[in-house]
Amino acid sequence: MHCTNKPLTDMETEKTFITKTGFCHILPDKIVLTRDGIIGNLAKVAVGNNISRILLIYGGLSCVLIYGAYSLYLKGQFAQTILFGLIAVYLIFGILNSLNNSATPIIYRDKIKGVKLKKAIPGLTRSRFEIKFEDENGKIKKRLILLPGSMSGGSKETEIAIKIMTEEKLLNSANT
């Protein structure tokens, strides 16, 4: 199931593209992200519609690493202390960068403040859209839409997603 235009009602049409965990449906009034398959089901269980659970896990892991680094420091094992400390700092940095992220499955188009495309670094990262929007509490949040990786036709699917987002005037050619 690639780019499709299937009528939902007489007035409404949907454009769909594949994401890392399922599908992104672009409707006239909203964007709906659905999860499908094994990866999508795992994401549903692990994260749900809120990222606070995963941030708590990262925070707990950071605390364990800091405690381990301190214990190793007391034993005089400085190389392991530095390694554990660097991993803990990396996780804490990730938590701070993710505080304004959202896992909401529905984004209303009239609340969208901007859409950016971050292209993949082959072999390291995958392409993604970053959507800044206003949530129901009036706070500006960021929703990441991860596109398929290189092992699952990522470049072709990215082209389809860019075409749809551009056609729907969510992404302009300056942001690609």
N, C-alpha and C. Protein backbone atom coordinates (compact mmCIF):
# COMPACT_ATOMS: atom_id res chain seq x y z
N MET A 1 0.85 -1.17 0.00
CA MET A 1 0.00 0.00 0.00
C MET A 1 0.89 1.23 0.00
N HIS A 2 0.96 1.88 -1.12
CA HIS A 2 1.77 3.09 -1.24
C HIS A 2 0.84 4.28 -1.29
N CYS A 3 1.22 5.28 -2.03
CA CYS A 3 0.43 6.50 -2.17
C CYS A 3 -0.94 6.16 -2.74
N THR A 4 -1.97 6.43 -1.98
CA THR A 4 -3.31 6.11 -2.45
C THR A 4 -4.21 7.32 -2.31
N ASN A 5 -5.18 7.40 -3.17
CA ASN A 5 -6.23 8.40 -3.08
C ASN A 5 -7.55 7.65 -3.07
N LYS A 6 -8.02 7.29 -1.90
CA LYS A 6 -9.27 6.57 -1.82
C LYS A 6 -10.28 7.43 -1.07
N PRO A 7 -11.50 7.54 -1.58
CA PRO A 7 -12.48 8.41 -0.93
C PRO A 7 -12.92 7.85 0.42
N LEU A 8 -12.96 8.72 1.43
CA LEU A 8 -13.48 8.35 2.74
C LEU A 8 -14.94 8.74 2.84
N THR A 9 -15.27 9.92 2.35
CA THR A 9 -16.65 10.38 2.26
C THR A 9 -16.76 11.14 0.95
N ASP A 10 -17.90 11.72 0.67
CA ASP A 10 -18.06 12.46 -0.57
C ASP A 10 -17.14 13.67 -0.64
N MET A 11 -16.88 14.30 0.53
CA MET A 11 -16.12 15.54 0.55
C MET A 11 -14.65 15.35 0.89
N GLU A 12 -14.29 14.21 1.42
CA GLU A 12 -12.97 14.05 2.02
C GLU A 12 -12.16 12.99 1.26
N THR A 13 -10.88 13.30 1.01
CA THR A 13 -9.98 12.30 0.43
C THR A 13 -8.76 12.18 1.31
N GLU A 14 -8.10 11.07 1.17
CA GLU A 14 -6.96 10.75 2.01
C GLU A 14 -5.76 10.44 1.13
N LYS A 15 -4.60 10.91 1.56
CA LYS A 15 -3.35 10.53 0.91
C LYS A 15 -2.53 9.84 1.98
N THR A 16 -1.93 8.71 1.64
CA THR A 16 -1.24 7.88 2.62
C THR A 16 0.17 7.56 2.17
N PHE A 17 1.10 7.56 3.14
CA PHE A 17 2.44 7.06 2.87
C PHE A 17 2.90 6.21 4.04
N ILE A 18 3.90 5.37 3.78
CA ILE A 18 4.41 4.43 4.77
C ILE A 18 5.38 5.13 5.70
N THR A 19 5.28 4.82 7.00
CA THR A 19 6.22 5.31 8.00
C THR A 19 6.99 4.13 8.57
N LYS A 20 7.88 4.39 9.52
CA LYS A 20 8.66 3.31 10.14
C LYS A 20 7.75 2.30 10.84
N THR A 21 6.70 2.79 11.51
CA THR A 21 5.85 1.90 12.32
C THR A 21 4.45 1.70 11.76
N GLY A 22 4.14 2.24 10.60
CA GLY A 22 2.79 2.09 10.06
C GLY A 22 2.55 3.00 8.88
N PHE A 23 1.52 3.85 9.00
CA PHE A 23 1.13 4.72 7.90
C PHE A 23 0.81 6.12 8.40
N CYS A 24 1.00 7.10 7.52
CA CYS A 24 0.60 8.48 7.78
C CYS A 24 -0.49 8.81 6.79
N HIS A 25 -1.66 9.19 7.30
CA HIS A 25 -2.82 9.53 6.48
C HIS A 25 -2.99 11.05 6.53
N ILE A 26 -2.90 11.69 5.37
CA ILE A 26 -3.07 13.14 5.29
C ILE A 26 -4.51 13.40 4.85
N LEU A 27 -5.28 14.00 5.74
CA LEU A 27 -6.67 14.35 5.48
C LEU A 27 -6.78 15.86 5.34
N PRO A 28 -7.89 16.37 4.80
CA PRO A 28 -8.02 17.83 4.64
C PRO A 28 -7.91 18.61 5.95
N ASP A 29 -8.34 18.03 7.08
CA ASP A 29 -8.34 18.77 8.34
C ASP A 29 -7.33 18.27 9.36
N LYS A 30 -6.72 17.09 9.12
CA LYS A 30 -5.79 16.54 10.11
C LYS A 30 -4.83 15.54 9.49
N ILE A 31 -3.81 15.22 10.27
CA ILE A 31 -2.86 14.16 9.93
C ILE A 31 -3.08 13.07 10.96
N VAL A 32 -3.26 11.84 10.49
CA VAL A 32 -3.49 10.71 11.37
C VAL A 32 -2.38 9.69 11.15
N LEU A 33 -1.71 9.31 12.25
CA LEU A 33 -0.65 8.31 12.18
C LEU A 33 -1.18 7.01 12.77
N THR A 34 -1.09 5.94 12.00
CA THR A 34 -1.54 4.64 12.47
C THR A 34 -0.35 3.70 12.54
N ARG A 35 -0.42 2.76 13.47
CA ARG A 35 0.66 1.78 13.63
C ARG A 35 0.18 0.47 13.06
N ASP A 36 1.13 -0.25 12.46
CA ASP A 36 0.79 -1.50 11.80
C ASP A 36 1.98 -2.44 11.90
N GLY A 37 1.72 -3.71 11.95
CA GLY A 37 2.78 -4.70 11.94
C GLY A 37 3.47 -4.84 13.29
N ILE A 38 4.55 -5.60 13.30
CA ILE A 38 5.27 -5.93 14.53
C ILE A 38 5.87 -4.67 15.17
N ILE A 39 6.56 -3.85 14.37
CA ILE A 39 7.20 -2.65 14.92
C ILE A 39 6.16 -1.70 15.48
N GLY A 40 5.07 -1.52 14.78
CA GLY A 40 4.00 -0.64 15.25
C GLY A 40 3.38 -1.14 16.54
N ASN A 41 3.17 -2.46 16.64
CA ASN A 41 2.60 -3.02 17.87
C ASN A 41 3.56 -2.87 19.05
N LEU A 42 4.86 -3.05 18.81
CA LEU A 42 5.85 -2.85 19.87
C LEU A 42 5.87 -1.39 20.32
N ALA A 43 5.76 -0.47 19.37
CA ALA A 43 5.74 0.96 19.71
C ALA A 43 4.50 1.28 20.53
N LYS A 44 3.37 0.66 20.19
CA LYS A 44 2.13 0.88 20.95
C LYS A 44 2.30 0.47 22.40
N VAL A 45 2.92 -0.68 22.61
CA VAL A 45 3.12 -1.19 23.96
C VAL A 45 4.16 -0.36 24.72
N ALA A 46 5.28 -0.06 24.08
CA ALA A 46 6.39 0.63 24.76
C ALA A 46 6.10 2.10 25.02
N VAL A 47 5.52 2.78 24.05
CA VAL A 47 5.36 4.23 24.15
C VAL A 47 3.91 4.65 24.31
N GLY A 48 3.00 3.98 23.62
CA GLY A 48 1.61 4.44 23.61
C GLY A 48 1.53 5.76 22.88
N ASN A 49 0.71 6.68 23.39
CA ASN A 49 0.60 8.01 22.78
C ASN A 49 1.34 9.05 23.60
N ASN A 50 2.21 8.61 24.48
CA ASN A 50 2.92 9.53 25.36
C ASN A 50 4.36 9.05 25.47
N ILE A 51 5.30 9.99 25.40
CA ILE A 51 6.70 9.59 25.46
C ILE A 51 7.27 9.63 26.87
N SER A 52 6.45 9.99 27.85
CA SER A 52 6.97 10.11 29.22
C SER A 52 7.50 8.77 29.75
N ARG A 53 6.88 7.66 29.37
CA ARG A 53 7.33 6.35 29.84
C ARG A 53 8.75 6.06 29.38
N ILE A 54 9.03 6.32 28.12
CA ILE A 54 10.37 6.04 27.59
C ILE A 54 11.39 7.02 28.19
N LEU A 55 10.97 8.27 28.44
CA LEU A 55 11.88 9.23 29.07
C LEU A 55 12.19 8.82 30.50
N LEU A 56 11.23 8.25 31.21
CA LEU A 56 11.47 7.74 32.56
C LEU A 56 12.45 6.57 32.54
N ILE A 57 12.31 5.71 31.55
CA ILE A 57 13.23 4.58 31.41
C ILE A 57 14.65 5.10 31.17
N TYR A 58 14.79 6.08 30.26
CA TYR A 58 16.11 6.66 30.00
C TYR A 58 16.66 7.34 31.25
N GLY A 59 15.80 8.02 32.00
CA GLY A 59 16.24 8.67 33.24
C GLY A 59 16.72 7.66 34.25
N GLY A 60 15.99 6.55 34.42
CA GLY A 60 16.41 5.50 35.34
C GLY A 60 17.72 4.88 34.92
N LEU A 61 17.86 4.63 33.63
CA LEU A 61 19.11 4.07 33.11
C LEU A 61 20.27 5.04 33.34
N SER A 62 20.01 6.33 33.17
CA SER A 62 21.05 7.34 33.43
C SER A 62 21.49 7.30 34.89
N CYS A 63 20.53 7.18 35.80
CA CYS A 63 20.86 7.12 37.24
C CYS A 63 21.71 5.89 37.55
N VAL A 64 21.35 4.76 36.96
CA VAL A 64 22.12 3.53 37.17
C VAL A 64 23.54 3.71 36.63
N LEU A 65 23.66 4.32 35.47
CA LEU A 65 24.99 4.54 34.88
C LEU A 65 25.82 5.51 35.72
N ILE A 66 25.20 6.55 36.24
CA ILE A 66 25.93 7.51 37.09
C ILE A 66 26.39 6.81 38.37
N TYR A 67 25.51 6.01 38.98
CA TYR A 67 25.89 5.26 40.18
C TYR A 67 27.05 4.30 39.86
N GLY A 68 26.94 3.60 38.72
CA GLY A 68 28.00 2.69 38.31
C GLY A 68 29.31 3.43 38.07
N ALA A 69 29.24 4.60 37.45
CA ALA A 69 30.44 5.40 37.20
C ALA A 69 31.08 5.82 38.52
N TYR A 70 30.26 6.22 39.48
CA TYR A 70 30.78 6.64 40.78
C TYR A 70 31.44 5.46 41.51
N SER A 71 30.78 4.29 41.46
CA SER A 71 31.36 3.09 42.09
C SER A 71 32.69 2.72 41.45
N LEU A 72 32.74 2.79 40.14
CA LEU A 72 33.99 2.47 39.43
C LEU A 72 35.08 3.50 39.73
N TYR A 73 34.68 4.75 39.89
CA TYR A 73 35.64 5.80 40.25
C TYR A 73 36.27 5.52 41.61
N LEU A 74 35.44 5.09 42.57
CA LEU A 74 35.96 4.77 43.90
C LEU A 74 36.93 3.59 43.88
N LYS A 75 36.75 2.69 42.89
CA LYS A 75 37.64 1.53 42.76
C LYS A 75 38.88 1.86 41.93
N GLY A 76 38.93 3.08 41.39
CA GLY A 76 40.09 3.48 40.60
C GLY A 76 40.04 3.05 39.14
N GLN A 77 38.89 2.63 38.65
CA GLN A 77 38.75 2.19 37.26
C GLN A 77 38.27 3.38 36.42
N PHE A 78 39.22 4.21 36.03
CA PHE A 78 38.88 5.49 35.41
C PHE A 78 38.36 5.37 33.98
N ALA A 79 38.84 4.41 33.21
CA ALA A 79 38.37 4.25 31.83
C ALA A 79 36.88 3.90 31.81
N GLN A 80 36.46 2.95 32.65
CA GLN A 80 35.05 2.57 32.73
C GLN A 80 34.21 3.71 33.29
N THR A 81 34.78 4.47 34.24
CA THR A 81 34.08 5.62 34.81
C THR A 81 33.75 6.62 33.71
N ILE A 82 34.72 6.90 32.88
CA ILE A 82 34.51 7.86 31.78
C ILE A 82 33.48 7.32 30.80
N LEU A 83 33.56 6.05 30.45
CA LEU A 83 32.61 5.44 29.52
C LEU A 83 31.19 5.52 30.08
N PHE A 84 30.98 5.08 31.31
CA PHE A 84 29.65 5.12 31.92
C PHE A 84 29.14 6.56 32.02
N GLY A 85 30.05 7.47 32.40
CA GLY A 85 29.66 8.89 32.51
C GLY A 85 29.24 9.48 31.18
N LEU A 86 29.96 9.16 30.13
CA LEU A 86 29.62 9.68 28.79
C LEU A 86 28.27 9.14 28.32
N ILE A 87 28.02 7.86 28.55
CA ILE A 87 26.73 7.28 28.15
C ILE A 87 25.60 7.94 28.93
N ALA A 88 25.80 8.16 30.24
CA ALA A 88 24.77 8.82 31.07
C ALA A 88 24.51 10.23 30.58
N VAL A 89 25.56 10.99 30.26
CA VAL A 89 25.39 12.36 29.76
C VAL A 89 24.65 12.35 28.43
N TYR A 90 24.98 11.39 27.55
CA TYR A 90 24.31 11.26 26.26
C TYR A 90 22.81 11.02 26.46
N LEU A 91 22.45 10.13 27.38
CA LEU A 91 21.04 9.85 27.65
C LEU A 91 20.33 11.07 28.24
N ILE A 92 20.98 11.75 29.14
CA ILE A 92 20.39 12.95 29.75
C ILE A 92 20.18 14.03 28.68
N PHE A 93 21.15 14.19 27.80
CA PHE A 93 21.01 15.14 26.69
C PHE A 93 19.82 14.75 25.81
N GLY A 94 19.65 13.46 25.52
CA GLY A 94 18.51 12.99 24.74
C GLY A 94 17.18 13.27 25.42
N ILE A 95 17.13 13.08 26.74
CA ILE A 95 15.91 13.37 27.51
C ILE A 95 15.56 14.85 27.38
N LEU A 96 16.55 15.73 27.58
CA LEU A 96 16.30 17.17 27.52
C LEU A 96 15.83 17.60 26.13
N ASN A 97 16.41 16.99 25.09
CA ASN A 97 15.99 17.31 23.72
C ASN A 97 14.60 16.79 23.39
N SER A 98 14.13 15.78 24.11
CA SER A 98 12.86 15.14 23.80
C SER A 98 11.70 15.61 24.66
N LEU A 99 11.93 16.52 25.59
CA LEU A 99 10.86 16.95 26.50
C LEU A 99 9.66 17.56 25.79
N ASN A 100 9.88 18.23 24.66
CA ASN A 100 8.77 18.83 23.92
C ASN A 100 8.28 17.97 22.77
N ASN A 101 8.75 16.73 22.70
CA ASN A 101 8.26 15.82 21.67
C ASN A 101 6.91 15.24 22.07
N SER A 102 6.17 14.80 21.08
CA SER A 102 4.85 14.22 21.31
C SER A 102 4.72 12.94 20.51
N ALA A 103 3.90 12.03 21.00
CA ALA A 103 3.62 10.79 20.27
C ALA A 103 2.15 10.74 19.85
N THR A 104 1.49 11.90 19.82
CA THR A 104 0.08 11.95 19.48
C THR A 104 -0.17 11.38 18.08
N PRO A 105 -1.23 10.59 17.90
CA PRO A 105 -1.51 10.02 16.59
C PRO A 105 -2.30 10.96 15.68
N ILE A 106 -2.84 12.06 16.21
CA ILE A 106 -3.65 12.99 15.41
C ILE A 106 -3.12 14.41 15.60
N ILE A 107 -2.85 15.06 14.47
CA ILE A 107 -2.42 16.46 14.48
C ILE A 107 -3.38 17.22 13.57
N TYR A 108 -4.05 18.21 14.13
CA TYR A 108 -4.97 19.02 13.34
C TYR A 108 -4.18 20.02 12.51
N ARG A 109 -4.50 20.10 11.24
CA ARG A 109 -3.72 20.91 10.31
C ARG A 109 -3.75 22.40 10.66
N ASP A 110 -4.83 22.88 11.25
CA ASP A 110 -4.89 24.30 11.60
C ASP A 110 -4.01 24.63 12.80
N LYS A 111 -3.48 23.61 13.49
CA LYS A 111 -2.60 23.81 14.65
C LYS A 111 -1.12 23.67 14.28
N ILE A 112 -0.85 23.31 13.03
CA ILE A 112 0.53 23.10 12.58
C ILE A 112 1.23 24.44 12.40
N LYS A 113 2.40 24.57 13.02
CA LYS A 113 3.21 25.79 12.93
C LYS A 113 4.31 25.67 11.89
N GLY A 114 4.73 24.44 11.58
CA GLY A 114 5.78 24.25 10.59
C GLY A 114 6.12 22.78 10.41
N VAL A 115 6.61 22.46 9.22
CA VAL A 115 7.02 21.09 8.89
C VAL A 115 8.40 21.16 8.25
N LYS A 116 9.32 20.36 8.77
CA LYS A 116 10.67 20.28 8.20
C LYS A 116 10.96 18.83 7.83
N LEU A 117 11.73 18.68 6.79
CA LEU A 117 12.22 17.35 6.39
C LEU A 117 13.67 17.26 6.79
N LYS A 118 14.01 16.20 7.50
CA LYS A 118 15.41 15.90 7.81
C LYS A 118 15.77 14.67 6.99
N LYS A 119 16.66 14.86 6.03
CA LYS A 119 17.03 13.75 5.14
C LYS A 119 17.94 12.76 5.86
N ALA A 120 17.91 11.54 5.39
CA ALA A 120 18.68 10.45 5.98
C ALA A 120 20.17 10.64 5.74
N ILE A 121 20.94 10.15 6.69
CA ILE A 121 22.38 9.98 6.50
C ILE A 121 22.53 8.48 6.25
N PRO A 122 22.81 8.08 4.99
CA PRO A 122 22.81 6.65 4.65
C PRO A 122 23.64 5.81 5.61
N GLY A 123 23.01 4.76 6.11
CA GLY A 123 23.66 3.84 7.03
C GLY A 123 23.64 4.27 8.49
N LEU A 124 23.27 5.54 8.76
CA LEU A 124 23.26 6.04 10.13
C LEU A 124 21.87 6.43 10.62
N THR A 125 21.16 7.23 9.83
CA THR A 125 19.84 7.70 10.24
C THR A 125 18.84 7.47 9.12
N ARG A 126 17.58 7.67 9.44
CA ARG A 126 16.53 7.58 8.43
C ARG A 126 15.91 8.96 8.25
N SER A 127 15.28 9.17 7.11
CA SER A 127 14.60 10.44 6.86
C SER A 127 13.42 10.57 7.81
N ARG A 128 13.08 11.83 8.13
CA ARG A 128 11.95 12.06 9.02
C ARG A 128 11.37 13.45 8.78
N PHE A 129 10.11 13.59 9.10
CA PHE A 129 9.47 14.90 9.13
C PHE A 129 9.39 15.32 10.58
N GLU A 130 9.63 16.59 10.83
CA GLU A 130 9.46 17.18 12.15
C GLU A 130 8.32 18.18 12.04
N ILE A 131 7.22 17.88 12.71
CA ILE A 131 6.04 18.75 12.65
C ILE A 131 5.93 19.48 13.98
N LYS A 132 5.99 20.82 13.93
CA LYS A 132 5.75 21.63 15.12
C LYS A 132 4.29 22.03 15.10
N PHE A 133 3.62 21.81 16.23
CA PHE A 133 2.19 22.09 16.30
C PHE A 133 1.81 22.51 17.71
N GLU A 134 0.64 23.09 17.82
CA GLU A 134 0.11 23.50 19.11
C GLU A 134 -0.81 22.39 19.62
N ASP A 135 -0.53 21.89 20.83
CA ASP A 135 -1.36 20.82 21.38
C ASP A 135 -2.63 21.38 22.02
N GLU A 136 -3.43 20.49 22.59
CA GLU A 136 -4.71 20.90 23.18
C GLU A 136 -4.55 21.83 24.38
N ASN A 137 -3.35 21.88 24.97
CA ASN A 137 -3.07 22.77 26.10
C ASN A 137 -2.42 24.08 25.66
N GLY A 138 -2.28 24.29 24.35
CA GLY A 138 -1.69 25.52 23.83
C GLY A 138 -0.17 25.52 23.82
N LYS A 139 0.45 24.37 24.13
CA LYS A 139 1.91 24.28 24.13
C LYS A 139 2.41 23.85 22.74
N ILE A 140 3.57 24.39 22.36
CA ILE A 140 4.17 24.00 21.08
C ILE A 140 4.92 22.68 21.30
N LYS A 141 4.55 21.67 20.53
CA LYS A 141 5.16 20.35 20.60
C LYS A 141 5.75 19.99 19.25
N LYS A 142 6.58 18.96 19.25
CA LYS A 142 7.18 18.46 18.01
C LYS A 142 6.83 16.99 17.85
N ARG A 143 6.31 16.62 16.68
CA ARG A 143 5.99 15.23 16.39
C ARG A 143 6.91 14.77 15.27
N LEU A 144 7.65 13.70 15.52
CA LEU A 144 8.52 13.14 14.51
C LEU A 144 7.77 12.07 13.75
N ILE A 145 7.88 12.10 12.43
CA ILE A 145 7.33 11.04 11.59
C ILE A 145 8.53 10.40 10.91
N LEU A 146 8.93 9.24 11.44
CA LEU A 146 10.08 8.53 10.90
C LEU A 146 9.67 7.74 9.67
N LEU A 147 10.44 7.87 8.61
CA LEU A 147 10.16 7.16 7.37
C LEU A 147 10.95 5.85 7.34
N PRO A 148 10.58 4.93 6.44
CA PRO A 148 11.28 3.64 6.40
C PRO A 148 12.78 3.80 6.17
N GLY A 149 13.55 2.85 6.68
CA GLY A 149 14.99 2.87 6.53
C GLY A 149 15.44 2.34 5.19
N SER A 150 16.73 2.36 4.96
CA SER A 150 17.29 1.96 3.67
C SER A 150 17.08 0.49 3.37
N MET A 151 16.93 -0.34 4.40
CA MET A 151 16.73 -1.77 4.17
C MET A 151 15.29 -2.10 3.74
N SER A 152 14.39 -1.13 3.86
CA SER A 152 12.99 -1.39 3.48
C SER A 152 12.50 -0.36 2.47
N GLY A 153 13.33 -0.02 1.50
CA GLY A 153 12.93 0.90 0.43
C GLY A 153 12.78 2.33 0.87
N GLY A 154 13.59 2.77 1.79
CA GLY A 154 13.46 4.10 2.38
C GLY A 154 13.52 5.25 1.40
N SER A 155 14.43 5.20 0.43
CA SER A 155 14.56 6.34 -0.49
C SER A 155 13.33 6.48 -1.38
N LYS A 156 12.79 5.37 -1.83
CA LYS A 156 11.58 5.41 -2.67
C LYS A 156 10.38 5.91 -1.85
N GLU A 157 10.23 5.39 -0.64
CA GLU A 157 9.12 5.80 0.23
C GLU A 157 9.27 7.26 0.65
N THR A 158 10.50 7.72 0.83
CA THR A 158 10.74 9.12 1.18
C THR A 158 10.29 10.03 0.04
N GLU A 159 10.60 9.65 -1.19
CA GLU A 159 10.16 10.43 -2.35
C GLU A 159 8.64 10.53 -2.40
N ILE A 160 7.95 9.42 -2.14
CA ILE A 160 6.48 9.41 -2.13
C ILE A 160 5.96 10.33 -1.03
N ALA A 161 6.55 10.24 0.16
CA ALA A 161 6.11 11.06 1.29
C ALA A 161 6.34 12.55 1.01
N ILE A 162 7.49 12.89 0.44
CA ILE A 162 7.78 14.30 0.12
C ILE A 162 6.78 14.82 -0.89
N LYS A 163 6.48 14.01 -1.89
CA LYS A 163 5.51 14.42 -2.93
C LYS A 163 4.15 14.71 -2.30
N ILE A 164 3.68 13.83 -1.42
CA ILE A 164 2.38 14.01 -0.77
C ILE A 164 2.39 15.25 0.12
N MET A 165 3.41 15.39 0.93
CA MET A 165 3.49 16.53 1.86
C MET A 165 3.57 17.85 1.09
N THR A 166 4.25 17.86 -0.06
CA THR A 166 4.34 19.06 -0.88
C THR A 166 3.01 19.36 -1.54
N GLU A 167 2.36 18.33 -2.11
CA GLU A 167 1.05 18.50 -2.73
C GLU A 167 0.02 19.04 -1.75
N GLU A 168 0.12 18.61 -0.51
CA GLU A 168 -0.83 19.03 0.52
C GLU A 168 -0.45 20.36 1.16
N LYS A 169 0.59 21.00 0.61
CA LYS A 169 1.07 22.31 1.07
C LYS A 169 1.49 22.31 2.55
N LEU A 170 1.96 21.16 3.02
CA LEU A 170 2.50 21.04 4.38
C LEU A 170 4.00 21.27 4.36
N LEU A 171 4.61 20.98 3.24
CA LEU A 171 6.05 21.11 3.07
C LEU A 171 6.29 21.89 1.80
N ASN A 172 7.08 22.95 1.89
CA ASN A 172 7.40 23.67 0.65
C ASN A 172 8.77 23.24 0.17
N SER A 173 9.08 23.52 -1.07
CA SER A 173 10.32 23.03 -1.68
C SER A 173 11.56 23.60 -0.97
N ALA A 174 11.41 24.70 -0.25
CA ALA A 174 12.55 25.26 0.49
C ALA A 174 12.92 24.40 1.69
N ASN A 175 11.97 23.61 2.20
CA ASN A 175 12.21 22.77 3.38
C ASN A 175 12.71 21.38 3.03
N THR A 176 12.81 21.04 1.74
CA THR A 176 13.24 19.69 1.36
C THR A 176 14.72 19.62 1.11
